[in-house]
Amino acid sequence: MAGTPEIPQGEPQVTEINKEAEFVVDETLQKTGVQPVVKTFKAQIKNDKGVPLIQTPPTQIITVAPPATQAVLTSWSKGPITSSISWLGMFWIRIIKKALHFGWQIIGKEESAGS
């Protein structure tokens, strides 16, 4: 006798696919294995209390506002590893590099020539 009883398998559930959400892919692209990816969808999944679980904004504008200029952040990051200001400088340099990579808007302080 087995340690756990066998669980009976039910019939697999079949769900109908909405034809409106499909995109047309060229036959030559289908032969290479290219499939469309849906980034936004209309269906909202709600939890037991009726609150939507997933929200997909169509466009999202991300802005990064570092606390200091690039030169100050670089000087902060060159400090000792035991100093928290060194870690703060490296954090903001990583965020700026990430913003440049993803094309986010960077709002920085301008350096004045007089000071």
C-alpha atoms as a PDB file:
ATOM      1  CA  MET A   1       0.000   0.000   0.000  1.00  0.00           C
ATOM      2  CA  ALA A   2       1.305   3.437  -0.934  1.00  0.00           C
ATOM      3  CA  GLY A   3       2.002   6.118   1.656  1.00  0.00           C
ATOM      4  CA  THR A   4      -0.394   8.543  -0.005  1.00  0.00           C
ATOM      5  CA  PRO A   5      -3.538   7.648  -1.906  1.00  0.00           C
ATOM      6  CA  GLU A   6      -3.690   8.357  -5.578  1.00  0.00           C
ATOM      7  CA  ILE A   7      -5.543  11.573  -6.393  1.00  0.00           C
ATOM      8  CA  PRO A   8      -8.074  11.091  -9.198  1.00  0.00           C
ATOM      9  CA  GLN A   9      -7.417  13.355 -12.166  1.00  0.00           C
ATOM     10  CA  GLY A  10     -10.450  15.265 -13.471  1.00  0.00           C
ATOM     11  CA  GLU A  11     -11.154  16.351 -16.991  1.00  0.00           C
ATOM     12  CA  PRO A  12      -8.817  19.126 -18.227  1.00  0.00           C
ATOM     13  CA  GLN A  13     -10.512  22.506 -18.348  1.00  0.00           C
ATOM     14  CA  VAL A  14     -10.750  24.154 -21.751  1.00  0.00           C
ATOM     15  CA  THR A  15     -10.875  27.936 -21.931  1.00  0.00           C
ATOM     16  CA  GLU A  16     -11.971  29.898 -24.961  1.00  0.00           C
ATOM     17  CA  ILE A  17      -9.473  32.410 -26.386  1.00  0.00           C
ATOM     18  CA  ASN A  18     -10.717  35.882 -27.228  1.00  0.00           C
ATOM     19  CA  LYS A  19     -10.142  36.428 -30.951  1.00  0.00           C
ATOM     20  CA  GLU A  20     -10.046  40.235 -30.571  1.00  0.00           C
ATOM     21  CA  ALA A  21      -6.758  40.157 -28.664  1.00  0.00           C
ATOM     22  CA  GLU A  22      -4.853  38.243 -31.358  1.00  0.00           C
ATOM     23  CA  PHE A  23      -2.425  39.990 -33.679  1.00  0.00           C
ATOM     24  CA  VAL A  24      -1.710  39.007 -37.266  1.00  0.00           C
ATOM     25  CA  VAL A  25       1.787  37.609 -37.814  1.00  0.00           C
ATOM     26  CA  ASP A  26       3.204  37.200 -41.326  1.00  0.00           C
ATOM     27  CA  GLU A  27       3.485  33.591 -42.580  1.00  0.00           C
ATOM     28  CA  THR A  28       7.245  33.881 -43.041  1.00  0.00           C
ATOM     29  CA  LEU A  29       7.614  35.007 -39.436  1.00  0.00           C
ATOM     30  CA  GLN A  30       5.379  32.191 -38.204  1.00  0.00           C
ATOM     31  CA  LYS A  31       7.711  29.660 -39.842  1.00  0.00           C
ATOM     32  CA  THR A  32      10.626  31.013 -37.798  1.00  0.00           C
ATOM     33  CA  GLY A  33       8.649  30.688 -34.547  1.00  0.00           C
ATOM     34  CA  VAL A  34       7.776  34.347 -33.957  1.00  0.00           C
ATOM     35  CA  GLN A  35       4.610  34.805 -31.906  1.00  0.00           C
ATOM     36  CA  PRO A  36       2.918  38.052 -30.865  1.00  0.00           C
ATOM     37  CA  VAL A  37       3.142  39.142 -27.223  1.00  0.00           C
ATOM     38  CA  VAL A  38       0.181  40.963 -25.739  1.00  0.00           C
ATOM     39  CA  LYS A  39       1.384  43.758 -23.453  1.00  0.00           C
ATOM     40  CA  THR A  40      -1.965  45.174 -22.404  1.00  0.00           C
ATOM     41  CA  PHE A  41      -5.167  43.288 -21.851  1.00  0.00           C
ATOM     42  CA  LYS A  42      -8.762  44.153 -21.097  1.00  0.00           C
ATOM     43  CA  ALA A  43      -9.656  41.436 -18.599  1.00  0.00           C
ATOM     44  CA  GLN A  44      -9.296  42.380 -14.949  1.00  0.00           C
ATOM     45  CA  ILE A  45      -8.647  39.696 -12.371  1.00  0.00           C
ATOM     46  CA  LYS A  46     -10.181  40.471  -8.995  1.00  0.00           C
ATOM     47  CA  ASN A  47      -9.578  38.940  -5.595  1.00  0.00           C
ATOM     48  CA  ASP A  48     -12.285  37.665  -3.233  1.00  0.00           C
ATOM     49  CA  LYS A  49     -13.088  41.207  -2.070  1.00  0.00           C
ATOM     50  CA  GLY A  50     -13.517  42.572  -5.614  1.00  0.00           C
ATOM     51  CA  VAL A  51     -10.268  44.542  -5.713  1.00  0.00           C
ATOM     52  CA  PRO A  52      -8.378  44.314  -9.043  1.00  0.00           C
ATOM     53  CA  LEU A  53      -5.124  42.350  -8.689  1.00  0.00           C
ATOM     54  CA  ILE A  54      -3.408  43.568 -11.840  1.00  0.00           C
ATOM     55  CA  GLN A  55      -3.308  47.085 -13.237  1.00  0.00           C
ATOM     56  CA  THR A  56      -1.531  47.728 -16.506  1.00  0.00           C
ATOM     57  CA  PRO A  57      -1.116  51.372 -17.404  1.00  0.00           C
ATOM     58  CA  PRO A  58      -0.717  51.851 -21.170  1.00  0.00           C
ATOM     59  CA  THR A  59       2.153  54.302 -20.774  1.00  0.00           C
ATOM     60  CA  GLN A  60       4.236  55.068 -17.744  1.00  0.00           C
ATOM     61  CA  ILE A  61       6.513  58.095 -17.423  1.00  0.00           C
ATOM     62  CA  ILE A  62       9.367  57.569 -14.992  1.00  0.00           C
ATOM     63  CA  THR A  63      11.453  60.488 -13.820  1.00  0.00           C
ATOM     64  CA  VAL A  64      14.648  60.301 -11.784  1.00  0.00           C
ATOM     65  CA  ALA A  65      15.710  63.262  -9.655  1.00  0.00           C
ATOM     66  CA  PRO A  66      19.164  62.717  -8.099  1.00  0.00           C
ATOM     67  CA  PRO A  67      19.952  64.727  -4.948  1.00  0.00           C
ATOM     68  CA  ALA A  68      23.168  66.243  -6.336  1.00  0.00           C
ATOM     69  CA  THR A  69      25.166  66.818  -9.523  1.00  0.00           C
ATOM     70  CA  GLN A  70      27.073  64.071 -11.312  1.00  0.00           C
ATOM     71  CA  ALA A  71      30.417  65.362 -10.010  1.00  0.00           C
ATOM     72  CA  VAL A  72      29.187  65.346  -6.397  1.00  0.00           C
ATOM     73  CA  LEU A  73      27.753  61.827  -6.762  1.00  0.00           C
ATOM     74  CA  THR A  74      31.048  60.597  -8.201  1.00  0.00           C
ATOM     75  CA  SER A  75      33.009  62.117  -5.327  1.00  0.00           C
ATOM     76  CA  TRP A  76      30.574  60.576  -2.824  1.00  0.00           C
ATOM     77  CA  SER A  77      31.000  57.126  -4.372  1.00  0.00           C
ATOM     78  CA  LYS A  78      34.808  57.237  -4.043  1.00  0.00           C
ATOM     79  CA  GLY A  79      34.692  57.239  -0.225  1.00  0.00           C
ATOM     80  CA  PRO A  80      35.377  54.365   2.191  1.00  0.00           C
ATOM     81  CA  ILE A  81      33.085  51.340   2.079  1.00  0.00           C
ATOM     82  CA  THR A  82      32.145  51.845   5.727  1.00  0.00           C
ATOM     83  CA  SER A  83      30.614  55.251   4.960  1.00  0.00           C
ATOM     84  CA  SER A  84      26.922  55.336   4.073  1.00  0.00           C
ATOM     85  CA  ILE A  85      27.436  58.366   1.805  1.00  0.00           C
ATOM     86  CA  SER A  86      29.646  56.180  -0.443  1.00  0.00           C
ATOM     87  CA  TRP A  87      26.818  53.698  -0.812  1.00  0.00           C
ATOM     88  CA  LEU A  88      24.347  56.519  -1.496  1.00  0.00           C
ATOM     89  CA  GLY A  89      26.584  57.891  -4.242  1.00  0.00           C
ATOM     90  CA  MET A  90      26.930  54.476  -5.889  1.00  0.00           C
ATOM     91  CA  PHE A  91      23.179  53.915  -5.620  1.00  0.00           C
ATOM     92  CA  TRP A  92      22.401  57.139  -7.484  1.00  0.00           C
ATOM     93  CA  ILE A  93      25.043  56.434 -10.142  1.00  0.00           C
ATOM     94  CA  ARG A  94      23.425  53.013 -10.744  1.00  0.00           C
ATOM     95  CA  ILE A  95      19.975  54.629 -10.972  1.00  0.00           C
ATOM     96  CA  ILE A  96      21.260  57.208 -13.481  1.00  0.00           C
ATOM     97  CA  LYS A  97      22.835  54.463 -15.626  1.00  0.00           C
ATOM     98  CA  LYS A  98      19.603  52.483 -15.473  1.00  0.00           C
ATOM     99  CA  ALA A  99      17.610  55.592 -16.475  1.00  0.00           C
ATOM    100  CA  LEU A 100      19.902  56.177 -19.449  1.00  0.00           C
ATOM    101  CA  HIS A 101      19.545  52.539 -20.505  1.00  0.00           C
ATOM    102  CA  PHE A 102      15.738  52.489 -20.316  1.00  0.00           C
ATOM    103  CA  GLY A 103      15.242  56.033 -21.612  1.00  0.00           C
ATOM    104  CA  TRP A 104      13.753  57.454 -18.437  1.00  0.00           C
ATOM    105  CA  GLN A 105      13.614  61.201 -17.931  1.00  0.00           C
ATOM    106  CA  ILE A 106      16.389  62.495 -15.660  1.00  0.00           C
ATOM    107  CA  ILE A 107      15.761  65.729 -13.802  1.00  0.00           C
ATOM    108  CA  GLY A 108      19.028  67.007 -12.360  1.00  0.00           C
ATOM    109  CA  LYS A 109      20.435  70.114 -10.799  1.00  0.00           C
ATOM    110  CA  GLU A 110      22.328  72.340 -13.204  1.00  0.00           C
ATOM    111  CA  GLU A 111      25.841  73.362 -12.286  1.00  0.00           C
ATOM    112  CA  SER A 112      26.278  77.115 -12.195  1.00  0.00           C
ATOM    113  CA  ALA A 113      29.487  78.590 -13.622  1.00  0.00           C
ATOM    114  CA  GLY A 114      29.810  81.165 -10.812  1.00  0.00           C
ATOM    115  CA  SER A 115      29.985  78.727  -7.885  1.00  0.00           C
END
